[in-house]
Amino acid sequence: MPSRRRKGERPIDKSQFYRPYDETHPVAHAIRTGSRWFLAWQFQYGFSDARLVKQTGLAPGRLRQLDQDAPVLQAEVEALATAYGVQPSDIITSLPDPALLLKE
C-alpha cells in the first residue's frame, strides 16, 4: 500500500510522545473511572477497530473478546504495545487482574 504522506512530508517521530504508565497516566484515570483496560487504551490513542486489526493482526472478534476482559496472550500485548507506541509492561500493569495475562 502506498504511503499516505504527501511529497516532502516527514513521518512523525512518535517516540517523543511516549509517557510511561503510572497512576497519573490518562489510561489509568480512565480505568479508575470505569473504563475497561482494553477500551481505555484504544480510546486514549484514538484507534478504530479497523486500524487496530490492521496494525496488530488481531481479528475483530478477538478485539471484542479482549474488551470483555478475556485472558490476553503475551504476543497480543506485544502487538498492542507496538501499535500504541508503548512498552508491553505498560499494558500489563494496566490489567485489572494479573491472571488475565497468559504466557502462551
PDB file of N, CA and C in Angstrom:
ATOM      1  N   MET A   1       0.848  -1.175   0.000  1.00  0.00           N
ATOM      2  CA  MET A   1       0.000   0.000   0.000  1.00  0.00           C
ATOM      3  C   MET A   1       0.893   1.237   0.000  1.00  0.00           C
ATOM      4  N   PRO A   2       0.619   2.197  -0.842  1.00  0.00           N
ATOM      5  CA  PRO A   2       1.450   3.399  -0.892  1.00  0.00           C
ATOM      6  C   PRO A   2       1.328   4.222   0.387  1.00  0.00           C
ATOM      7  N   SER A   3       2.383   4.969   0.667  1.00  0.00           N
ATOM      8  CA  SER A   3       2.404   5.827   1.838  1.00  0.00           C
ATOM      9  C   SER A   3       1.346   6.929   1.699  1.00  0.00           C
ATOM     10  N   ARG A   4       0.785   7.350   2.804  1.00  0.00           N
ATOM     11  CA  ARG A   4      -0.224   8.408   2.791  1.00  0.00           C
ATOM     12  C   ARG A   4       0.402   9.791   3.007  1.00  0.00           C
ATOM     13  N   ARG A   5       1.719   9.828   3.153  1.00  0.00           N
ATOM     14  CA  ARG A   5       2.370  11.123   3.328  1.00  0.00           C
ATOM     15  C   ARG A   5       2.400  11.866   2.004  1.00  0.00           C
ATOM     16  N   ARG A   6       2.368  13.159   2.124  1.00  0.00           N
ATOM     17  CA  ARG A   6       2.490  13.985   0.927  1.00  0.00           C
ATOM     18  C   ARG A   6       3.967  14.164   0.592  1.00  0.00           C
ATOM     19  N   LYS A   7       4.243  14.530  -0.627  1.00  0.00           N
ATOM     20  CA  LYS A   7       5.611  14.716  -1.083  1.00  0.00           C
ATOM     21  C   LYS A   7       6.338  15.709  -0.171  1.00  0.00           C
ATOM     22  N   GLY A   8       7.504  15.309   0.303  1.00  0.00           N
ATOM     23  CA  GLY A   8       8.318  16.166   1.160  1.00  0.00           C
ATOM     24  C   GLY A   8       7.946  16.127   2.629  1.00  0.00           C
ATOM     25  N   GLU A   9       6.838  15.498   2.949  1.00  0.00           N
ATOM     26  CA  GLU A   9       6.395  15.444   4.344  1.00  0.00           C
ATOM     27  C   GLU A   9       7.159  14.339   5.072  1.00  0.00           C
ATOM     28  N   ARG A  10       7.592  14.620   6.270  1.00  0.00           N
ATOM     29  CA  ARG A  10       8.350  13.637   7.052  1.00  0.00           C
ATOM     30  C   ARG A  10       7.430  12.936   8.040  1.00  0.00           C
ATOM     31  N   PRO A  11       7.711  11.664   8.300  1.00  0.00           N
ATOM     32  CA  PRO A  11       6.890  10.956   9.294  1.00  0.00           C
ATOM     33  C   PRO A  11       7.115  11.542  10.695  1.00  0.00           C
ATOM     34  N   ILE A  12       6.097  11.446  11.518  1.00  0.00           N
ATOM     35  CA  ILE A  12       6.176  11.942  12.887  1.00  0.00           C
ATOM     36  C   ILE A  12       6.908  10.924  13.744  1.00  0.00           C
ATOM     37  N   ASP A  13       7.865  11.383  14.534  1.00  0.00           N
ATOM     38  CA  ASP A  13       8.576  10.515  15.470  1.00  0.00           C
ATOM     39  C   ASP A  13       7.720  10.405  16.729  1.00  0.00           C
ATOM     40  N   LYS A  14       6.994   9.289  16.846  1.00  0.00           N
ATOM     41  CA  LYS A  14       6.058   9.120  17.960  1.00  0.00           C
ATOM     42  C   LYS A  14       6.752   8.832  19.276  1.00  0.00           C
ATOM     43  N   SER A  15       8.046   8.485  19.231  1.00  0.00           N
ATOM     44  CA  SER A  15       8.746   8.160  20.474  1.00  0.00           C
ATOM     45  C   SER A  15       8.817   9.377  21.407  1.00  0.00           C
ATOM     46  N   GLN A  16       8.751  10.583  20.857  1.00  0.00           N
ATOM     47  CA  GLN A  16       8.800  11.770  21.696  1.00  0.00           C
ATOM     48  C   GLN A  16       7.525  11.953  22.515  1.00  0.00           C
ATOM     49  N   PHE A  17       6.463  11.239  22.157  1.00  0.00           N
ATOM     50  CA  PHE A  17       5.196  11.348  22.863  1.00  0.00           C
ATOM     51  C   PHE A  17       4.996  10.249  23.909  1.00  0.00           C
ATOM     52  N   TYR A  18       5.959   9.340  24.008  1.00  0.00           N
ATOM     53  CA  TYR A  18       5.813   8.212  24.940  1.00  0.00           C
ATOM     54  C   TYR A  18       5.759   8.709  26.374  1.00  0.00           C
ATOM     55  N   ARG A  19       4.794   8.186  27.095  1.00  0.00           N
ATOM     56  CA  ARG A  19       4.643   8.502  28.513  1.00  0.00           C
ATOM     57  C   ARG A  19       4.506   7.176  29.254  1.00  0.00           C
ATOM     58  N   PRO A  20       5.444   6.852  30.153  1.00  0.00           N
ATOM     59  CA  PRO A  20       5.347   5.586  30.885  1.00  0.00           C
ATOM     60  C   PRO A  20       4.047   5.517  31.692  1.00  0.00           C
ATOM     61  N   TYR A  21       3.526   4.310  31.800  1.00  0.00           N
ATOM     62  CA  TYR A  21       2.277   4.106  32.521  1.00  0.00           C
ATOM     63  C   TYR A  21       2.526   4.201  34.024  1.00  0.00           C
ATOM     64  N   ASP A  22       1.754   5.032  34.672  1.00  0.00           N
ATOM     65  CA  ASP A  22       1.738   5.112  36.131  1.00  0.00           C
ATOM     66  C   ASP A  22       0.350   5.586  36.552  1.00  0.00           C
ATOM     67  N   GLU A  23       0.167   5.886  37.815  1.00  0.00           N
ATOM     68  CA  GLU A  23      -1.169   6.247  38.303  1.00  0.00           C
ATOM     69  C   GLU A  23      -1.670   7.575  37.740  1.00  0.00           C
ATOM     70  N   THR A  24      -0.779   8.386  37.163  1.00  0.00           N
ATOM     71  CA  THR A  24      -1.200   9.662  36.582  1.00  0.00           C
ATOM     72  C   THR A  24      -1.441   9.577  35.071  1.00  0.00           C
ATOM     73  N   HIS A  25      -1.203   8.436  34.488  1.00  0.00           N
ATOM     74  CA  HIS A  25      -1.393   8.241  33.038  1.00  0.00           C
ATOM     75  C   HIS A  25      -2.886   8.363  32.707  1.00  0.00           C
ATOM     76  N   PRO A  26      -3.237   8.947  31.567  1.00  0.00           N
ATOM     77  CA  PRO A  26      -4.657   9.073  31.197  1.00  0.00           C
ATOM     78  C   PRO A  26      -5.391   7.736  31.129  1.00  0.00           C
ATOM     79  N   VAL A  27      -4.705   6.670  30.741  1.00  0.00           N
ATOM     80  CA  VAL A  27      -5.341   5.352  30.702  1.00  0.00           C
ATOM     81  C   VAL A  27      -5.672   4.899  32.125  1.00  0.00           C
ATOM     82  N   ALA A  28      -4.772   5.140  33.064  1.00  0.00           N
ATOM     83  CA  ALA A  28      -5.033   4.774  34.465  1.00  0.00           C
ATOM     84  C   ALA A  28      -6.250   5.530  34.986  1.00  0.00           C
ATOM     85  N   HIS A  29      -6.349   6.791  34.634  1.00  0.00           N
ATOM     86  CA  HIS A  29      -7.517   7.586  35.058  1.00  0.00           C
ATOM     87  C   HIS A  29      -8.805   7.013  34.461  1.00  0.00           C
ATOM     88  N   ALA A  30      -8.772   6.666  33.178  1.00  0.00           N
ATOM     89  CA  ALA A  30      -9.964   6.102  32.532  1.00  0.00           C
ATOM     90  C   ALA A  30     -10.381   4.795  33.205  1.00  0.00           C
ATOM     91  N   ILE A  31      -9.403   3.972  33.549  1.00  0.00           N
ATOM     92  CA  ILE A  31      -9.713   2.693  34.210  1.00  0.00           C
ATOM     93  C   ILE A  31     -10.301   2.950  35.599  1.00  0.00           C
ATOM     94  N   ARG A  32      -9.719   3.881  36.342  1.00  0.00           N
ATOM     95  CA  ARG A  32     -10.244   4.214  37.680  1.00  0.00           C
ATOM     96  C   ARG A  32     -11.674   4.728  37.626  1.00  0.00           C
ATOM     97  N   THR A  33     -12.029   5.380  36.529  1.00  0.00           N
ATOM     98  CA  THR A  33     -13.369   5.967  36.432  1.00  0.00           C
ATOM     99  C   THR A  33     -14.356   5.072  35.689  1.00  0.00           C
ATOM    100  N   GLY A  34     -13.988   3.807  35.480  1.00  0.00           N
ATOM    101  CA  GLY A  34     -14.956   2.847  34.978  1.00  0.00           C
ATOM    102  C   GLY A  34     -14.720   2.217  33.626  1.00  0.00           C
ATOM    103  N   SER A  35     -13.716   2.654  32.887  1.00  0.00           N
ATOM    104  CA  SER A  35     -13.445   2.027  31.590  1.00  0.00           C
ATOM    105  C   SER A  35     -12.723   0.696  31.768  1.00  0.00           C
ATOM    106  N   ARG A  36     -12.976  -0.217  30.867  1.00  0.00           N
ATOM    107  CA  ARG A  36     -12.207  -1.465  30.846  1.00  0.00           C
ATOM    108  C   ARG A  36     -10.822  -1.151  30.280  1.00  0.00           C
ATOM    109  N   TRP A  37      -9.832  -1.962  30.647  1.00  0.00           N
ATOM    110  CA  TRP A  37      -8.451  -1.685  30.259  1.00  0.00           C
ATOM    111  C   TRP A  37      -8.291  -1.588  28.748  1.00  0.00           C
ATOM    112  N   PHE A  38      -8.924  -2.500  28.011  1.00  0.00           N
ATOM    113  CA  PHE A  38      -8.732  -2.536  26.565  1.00  0.00           C
ATOM    114  C   PHE A  38      -9.275  -1.271  25.902  1.00  0.00           C
ATOM    115  N   LEU A  39     -10.493  -0.885  26.249  1.00  0.00           N
ATOM    116  CA  LEU A  39     -11.082   0.318  25.655  1.00  0.00           C
ATOM    117  C   LEU A  39     -10.368   1.587  26.108  1.00  0.00           C
ATOM    118  N   ALA A  40      -9.848   1.590  27.328  1.00  0.00           N
ATOM    119  CA  ALA A  40      -9.115   2.756  27.807  1.00  0.00           C
ATOM    120  C   ALA A  40      -7.899   3.015  26.911  1.00  0.00           C
ATOM    121  N   TRP A  41      -7.170   1.960  26.565  1.00  0.00           N
ATOM    122  CA  TRP A  41      -6.018   2.122  25.667  1.00  0.00           C
ATOM    123  C   TRP A  41      -6.480   2.512  24.268  1.00  0.00           C
ATOM    124  N   GLN A  42      -7.490   1.841  23.766  1.00  0.00           N
ATOM    125  CA  GLN A  42      -7.965   2.110  22.404  1.00  0.00           C
ATOM    126  C   GLN A  42      -8.438   3.556  22.265  1.00  0.00           C
ATOM    127  N   PHE A  43      -9.205   4.041  23.218  1.00  0.00           N
ATOM    128  CA  PHE A  43      -9.727   5.402  23.142  1.00  0.00           C
ATOM    129  C   PHE A  43      -8.630   6.445  23.376  1.00  0.00           C
ATOM    130  N   GLN A  44      -7.688   6.153  24.258  1.00  0.00           N
ATOM    131  CA  GLN A  44      -6.604   7.103  24.525  1.00  0.00           C
ATOM    132  C   GLN A  44      -5.805   7.388  23.259  1.00  0.00           C
ATOM    133  N   TYR A  45      -5.594   6.343  22.461  1.00  0.00           N
ATOM    134  CA  TYR A  45      -4.790   6.520  21.246  1.00  0.00           C
ATOM    135  C   TYR A  45      -5.636   6.717  19.999  1.00  0.00           C
ATOM    136  N   GLY A  46      -6.954   6.747  20.149  1.00  0.00           N
ATOM    137  CA  GLY A  46      -7.850   7.079  19.053  1.00  0.00           C
ATOM    138  C   GLY A  46      -7.856   6.080  17.911  1.00  0.00           C
ATOM    139  N   PHE A  47      -7.720   4.801  18.237  1.00  0.00           N
ATOM    140  CA  PHE A  47      -7.685   3.769  17.200  1.00  0.00           C
ATOM    141  C   PHE A  47      -9.082   3.206  16.962  1.00  0.00           C
ATOM    142  N   SER A  48      -9.467   3.163  15.710  1.00  0.00           N
ATOM    143  CA  SER A  48     -10.704   2.460  15.359  1.00  0.00           C
ATOM    144  C   SER A  48     -10.412   0.963  15.394  1.00  0.00           C
ATOM    145  N   ASP A  49     -11.466   0.167  15.418  1.00  0.00           N
ATOM    146  CA  ASP A  49     -11.271  -1.280  15.371  1.00  0.00           C
ATOM    147  C   ASP A  49     -10.525  -1.680  14.100  1.00  0.00           C
ATOM    148  N   ALA A  50     -10.894  -1.073  12.973  1.00  0.00           N
ATOM    149  CA  ALA A  50     -10.264  -1.426  11.695  1.00  0.00           C
ATOM    150  C   ALA A  50      -8.768  -1.133  11.717  1.00  0.00           C
ATOM    151  N   ARG A  51      -8.400  -0.004  12.272  1.00  0.00           N
ATOM    152  CA  ARG A  51      -6.973   0.339  12.335  1.00  0.00           C
ATOM    153  C   ARG A  51      -6.232  -0.601  13.271  1.00  0.00           C
ATOM    154  N   LEU A  52      -6.849  -0.947  14.389  1.00  0.00           N
ATOM    155  CA  LEU A  52      -6.218  -1.851  15.345  1.00  0.00           C
ATOM    156  C   LEU A  52      -6.049  -3.241  14.748  1.00  0.00           C
ATOM    157  N   VAL A  53      -7.052  -3.707  14.003  1.00  0.00           N
ATOM    158  CA  VAL A  53      -6.950  -5.009  13.323  1.00  0.00           C
ATOM    159  C   VAL A  53      -5.780  -4.983  12.353  1.00  0.00           C
ATOM    160  N   LYS A  54      -5.684  -3.918  11.594  1.00  0.00           N
ATOM    161  CA  LYS A  54      -4.632  -3.811  10.582  1.00  0.00           C
ATOM    162  C   LYS A  54      -3.244  -3.753  11.214  1.00  0.00           C
ATOM    163  N   GLN A  55      -3.086  -2.989  12.270  1.00  0.00           N
ATOM    164  CA  GLN A  55      -1.767  -2.802  12.864  1.00  0.00           C
ATOM    165  C   GLN A  55      -1.326  -3.945  13.774  1.00  0.00           C
ATOM    166  N   THR A  56      -2.275  -4.674  14.337  1.00  0.00           N
ATOM    167  CA  THR A  56      -1.903  -5.744  15.263  1.00  0.00           C
ATOM    168  C   THR A  56      -2.018  -7.142  14.662  1.00  0.00           C
ATOM    169  N   GLY A  57      -2.858  -7.280  13.649  1.00  0.00           N
ATOM    170  CA  GLY A  57      -3.106  -8.603  13.092  1.00  0.00           C
ATOM    171  C   GLY A  57      -4.125  -9.404  13.888  1.00  0.00           C
ATOM    172  N   LEU A  58      -4.727  -8.798  14.895  1.00  0.00           N
ATOM    173  CA  LEU A  58      -5.750  -9.483  15.686  1.00  0.00           C
ATOM    174  C   LEU A  58      -7.091  -9.406  14.956  1.00  0.00           C
ATOM    175  N   ALA A  59      -7.865 -10.455  15.066  1.00  0.00           N
ATOM    176  CA  ALA A  59      -9.173 -10.499  14.405  1.00  0.00           C
ATOM    177  C   ALA A  59     -10.163  -9.589  15.134  1.00  0.00           C
ATOM    178  N   PRO A  60     -11.138  -9.046  14.408  1.00  0.00           N
ATOM    179  CA  PRO A  60     -12.140  -8.177  15.053  1.00  0.00           C
ATOM    180  C   PRO A  60     -12.848  -8.861  16.225  1.00  0.00           C
ATOM    181  N   GLY A  61     -13.159 -10.141  16.066  1.00  0.00           N
ATOM    182  CA  GLY A  61     -13.805 -10.868  17.148  1.00  0.00           C
ATOM    183  C   GLY A  61     -12.929 -10.974  18.383  1.00  0.00           C
ATOM    184  N   ARG A  62     -11.619 -11.089  18.144  1.00  0.00           N
ATOM    185  CA  ARG A  62     -10.689 -11.173  19.269  1.00  0.00           C
ATOM    186  C   ARG A  62     -10.619  -9.838  20.013  1.00  0.00           C
ATOM    187  N   LEU A  63     -10.716  -8.741  19.283  1.00  0.00           N
ATOM    188  CA  LEU A  63     -10.732  -7.433  19.937  1.00  0.00           C
ATOM    189  C   LEU A  63     -11.928  -7.323  20.874  1.00  0.00           C
ATOM    190  N   ARG A  64     -13.088  -7.811  20.431  1.00  0.00           N
ATOM    191  CA  ARG A  64     -14.288  -7.763  21.273  1.00  0.00           C
ATOM    192  C   ARG A  64     -14.118  -8.661  22.495  1.00  0.00           C
ATOM    193  N   GLN A  65     -13.454  -9.810  22.339  1.00  0.00           N
ATOM    194  CA  GLN A  65     -13.194 -10.673  23.496  1.00  0.00           C
ATOM    195  C   GLN A  65     -12.308  -9.956  24.514  1.00  0.00           C
ATOM    196  N   LEU A  66     -11.270  -9.280  24.025  1.00  0.00           N
ATOM    197  CA  LEU A  66     -10.390  -8.542  24.930  1.00  0.00           C
ATOM    198  C   LEU A  66     -11.143  -7.420  25.625  1.00  0.00           C
ATOM    199  N   ASP A  67     -12.070  -6.799  24.917  1.00  0.00           N
ATOM    200  CA  ASP A  67     -12.892  -5.756  25.515  1.00  0.00           C
ATOM    201  C   ASP A  67     -13.744  -6.306  26.660  1.00  0.00           C
ATOM    202  N   GLN A  68     -14.077  -7.567  26.585  1.00  0.00           N
ATOM    203  CA  GLN A  68     -14.899  -8.191  27.635  1.00  0.00           C
ATOM    204  C   GLN A  68     -14.048  -8.864  28.704  1.00  0.00           C
ATOM    205  N   ASP A  69     -12.776  -8.457  28.810  1.00  0.00           N
ATOM    206  CA  ASP A  69     -11.845  -8.955  29.830  1.00  0.00           C
ATOM    207  C   ASP A  69     -11.482 -10.423  29.670  1.00  0.00           C
ATOM    208  N   ALA A  70     -11.402 -10.894  28.421  1.00  0.00           N
ATOM    209  CA  ALA A  70     -10.898 -12.245  28.164  1.00  0.00           C
ATOM    210  C   ALA A  70      -9.404 -12.256  28.476  1.00  0.00           C
ATOM    211  N   PRO A  71      -8.854 -13.417  28.834  1.00  0.00           N
ATOM    212  CA  PRO A  71      -7.405 -13.502  29.033  1.00  0.00           C
ATOM    213  C   PRO A  71      -6.665 -13.064  27.761  1.00  0.00           C
ATOM    214  N   VAL A  72      -5.520 -12.447  27.948  1.00  0.00           N
ATOM    215  CA  VAL A  72      -4.745 -11.904  26.833  1.00  0.00           C
ATOM    216  C   VAL A  72      -3.376 -12.592  26.780  1.00  0.00           C
ATOM    217  N   LEU A  73      -2.965 -12.956  25.583  1.00  0.00           N
ATOM    218  CA  LEU A  73      -1.669 -13.594  25.395  1.00  0.00           C
ATOM    219  C   LEU A  73      -0.551 -12.554  25.391  1.00  0.00           C
ATOM    220  N   GLN A  74       0.625 -12.965  25.806  1.00  0.00           N
ATOM    221  CA  GLN A  74       1.790 -12.081  25.795  1.00  0.00           C
ATOM    222  C   GLN A  74       2.027 -11.519  24.393  1.00  0.00           C
ATOM    223  N   ALA A  75       1.860 -12.346  23.369  1.00  0.00           N
ATOM    224  CA  ALA A  75       2.061 -11.891  21.988  1.00  0.00           C
ATOM    225  C   ALA A  75       1.046 -10.823  21.607  1.00  0.00           C
ATOM    226  N   GLU A  76      -0.179 -10.935  22.114  1.00  0.00           N
ATOM    227  CA  GLU A  76      -1.198  -9.917  21.835  1.00  0.00           C
ATOM    228  C   GLU A  76      -0.853  -8.596  22.530  1.00  0.00           C
ATOM    229  N   VAL A  77      -0.350  -8.690  23.753  1.00  0.00           N
ATOM    230  CA  VAL A  77       0.074  -7.484  24.480  1.00  0.00           C
ATOM    231  C   VAL A  77       1.191  -6.798  23.707  1.00  0.00           C
ATOM    232  N   GLU A  78       2.131  -7.580  23.195  1.00  0.00           N
ATOM    233  CA  GLU A  78       3.244  -7.005  22.440  1.00  0.00           C
ATOM    234  C   GLU A  78       2.753  -6.330  21.161  1.00  0.00           C
ATOM    235  N   ALA A  79       1.785  -6.943  20.480  1.00  0.00           N
ATOM    236  CA  ALA A  79       1.229  -6.351  19.260  1.00  0.00           C
ATOM    237  C   ALA A  79       0.502  -5.047  19.577  1.00  0.00           C
ATOM    238  N   LEU A  80      -0.266  -5.035  20.648  1.00  0.00           N
ATOM    239  CA  LEU A  80      -0.972  -3.815  21.047  1.00  0.00           C
ATOM    240  C   LEU A  80       0.015  -2.715  21.443  1.00  0.00           C
ATOM    241  N   ALA A  81       1.041  -3.086  22.196  1.00  0.00           N
ATOM    242  CA  ALA A  81       2.039  -2.108  22.624  1.00  0.00           C
ATOM    243  C   ALA A  81       2.751  -1.492  21.426  1.00  0.00           C
ATOM    244  N   THR A  82       3.074  -2.296  20.445  1.00  0.00           N
ATOM    245  CA  THR A  82       3.722  -1.781  19.239  1.00  0.00           C
ATOM    246  C   THR A  82       2.804  -0.807  18.507  1.00  0.00           C
ATOM    247  N   ALA A  83       1.536  -1.163  18.395  1.00  0.00           N
ATOM    248  CA  ALA A  83       0.581  -0.287  17.714  1.00  0.00           C
ATOM    249  C   ALA A  83       0.438   1.052  18.440  1.00  0.00           C
ATOM    250  N   TYR A  84       0.401   1.019  19.763  1.00  0.00           N
ATOM    251  CA  TYR A  84       0.209   2.245  20.543  1.00  0.00           C
ATOM    252  C   TYR A  84       1.506   3.020  20.786  1.00  0.00           C
ATOM    253  N   GLY A  85       2.637   2.378  20.509  1.00  0.00           N
ATOM    254  CA  GLY A  85       3.919   3.041  20.756  1.00  0.00           C
ATOM    255  C   GLY A  85       4.286   3.096  22.226  1.00  0.00           C
ATOM    256  N   VAL A  86       3.889   2.059  22.971  1.00  0.00           N
ATOM    257  CA  VAL A  86       4.197   1.979  24.402  1.00  0.00           C
ATOM    258  C   VAL A  86       4.958   0.685  24.668  1.00  0.00           C
ATOM    259  N   GLN A  87       5.362   0.492  25.891  1.00  0.00           N
ATOM    260  CA  GLN A  87       6.039  -0.741  26.288  1.00  0.00           C
ATOM    261  C   GLN A  87       5.004  -1.789  26.680  1.00  0.00           C
ATOM    262  N   PRO A  88       5.267  -3.074  26.397  1.00  0.00           N
ATOM    263  CA  PRO A  88       4.330  -4.116  26.836  1.00  0.00           C
ATOM    264  C   PRO A  88       4.070  -4.066  28.343  1.00  0.00           C
ATOM    265  N   SER A  89       5.079  -3.704  29.113  1.00  0.00           N
ATOM    266  CA  SER A  89       4.903  -3.632  30.571  1.00  0.00           C
ATOM    267  C   SER A  89       3.860  -2.593  30.965  1.00  0.00           C
ATOM    268  N   ASP A  90       3.696  -1.540  30.151  1.00  0.00           N
ATOM    269  CA  ASP A  90       2.671  -0.531  30.434  1.00  0.00           C
ATOM    270  C   ASP A  90       1.282  -1.158  30.363  1.00  0.00           C
ATOM    271  N   ILE A  91       1.048  -1.940  29.328  1.00  0.00           N
ATOM    272  CA  ILE A  91      -0.256  -2.591  29.167  1.00  0.00           C
ATOM    273  C   ILE A  91      -0.468  -3.637  30.240  1.00  0.00           C
ATOM    274  N   ILE A  92       0.567  -4.412  30.528  1.00  0.00           N
ATOM    275  CA  ILE A  92       0.458  -5.455  31.560  1.00  0.00           C
ATOM    276  C   ILE A  92       0.120  -4.833  32.912  1.00  0.00           C
ATOM    277  N   THR A  93       0.748  -3.722  33.238  1.00  0.00           N
ATOM    278  CA  THR A  93       0.484  -3.045  34.513  1.00  0.00           C
ATOM    279  C   THR A  93      -0.960  -2.566  34.599  1.00  0.00           C
ATOM    280  N   SER A  94      -1.553  -2.245  33.455  1.00  0.00           N
ATOM    281  CA  SER A  94      -2.927  -1.727  33.457  1.00  0.00           C
ATOM    282  C   SER A  94      -3.988  -2.815  33.554  1.00  0.00           C
ATOM    283  N   LEU A  95      -3.611  -4.075  33.418  1.00  0.00           N
ATOM    284  CA  LEU A  95      -4.600  -5.159  33.507  1.00  0.00           C
ATOM    285  C   LEU A  95      -5.233  -5.176  34.892  1.00  0.00           C
ATOM    286  N   PRO A  96      -6.551  -5.349  34.968  1.00  0.00           N
ATOM    287  CA  PRO A  96      -7.219  -5.330  36.276  1.00  0.00           C
ATOM    288  C   PRO A  96      -6.857  -6.526  37.151  1.00  0.00           C
ATOM    289  N   ASP A  97      -6.430  -7.617  36.530  1.00  0.00           N
ATOM    290  CA  ASP A  97      -6.064  -8.823  37.248  1.00  0.00           C
ATOM    291  C   ASP A  97      -4.860  -9.446  36.544  1.00  0.00           C
ATOM    292  N   PRO A  98      -3.742  -9.614  37.232  1.00  0.00           N
ATOM    293  CA  PRO A  98      -2.562 -10.198  36.595  1.00  0.00           C
ATOM    294  C   PRO A  98      -2.818 -11.587  35.996  1.00  0.00           C
ATOM    295  N   ALA A  99      -3.836 -12.281  36.491  1.00  0.00           N
ATOM    296  CA  ALA A  99      -4.165 -13.610  35.964  1.00  0.00           C
ATOM    297  C   ALA A  99      -4.707 -13.544  34.536  1.00  0.00           C
ATOM    298  N   LEU A 100      -5.074 -12.352  34.058  1.00  0.00           N
ATOM    299  CA  LEU A 100      -5.557 -12.215  32.673  1.00  0.00           C
ATOM    300  C   LEU A 100      -4.437 -12.409  31.655  1.00  0.00           C
ATOM    301  N   LEU A 101      -3.184 -12.248  32.077  1.00  0.00           N
ATOM    302  CA  LEU A 101      -2.059 -12.402  31.156  1.00  0.00           C
ATOM    303  C   LEU A 101      -1.662 -13.858  31.055  1.00  0.00           C
ATOM    304  N   LEU A 102      -1.716 -14.390  29.842  1.00  0.00           N
ATOM    305  CA  LEU A 102      -1.293 -15.763  29.580  1.00  0.00           C
ATOM    306  C   LEU A 102       0.046 -15.719  28.865  1.00  0.00           C
ATOM    307  N   LYS A 103       0.976 -16.537  29.324  1.00  0.00           N
ATOM    308  CA  LYS A 103       2.323 -16.525  28.741  1.00  0.00           C
ATOM    309  C   LYS A 103       2.364 -17.255  27.407  1.00  0.00           C
ATOM    310  N   GLU A 104       1.367 -17.948  26.991  1.00  0.00           N
ATOM    311  CA  GLU A 104       1.210 -18.653  25.703  1.00  0.00           C
ATOM    312  C   GLU A 104       0.590 -20.001  25.945  1.00  0.00           C
TER     313      GLU A 104
END
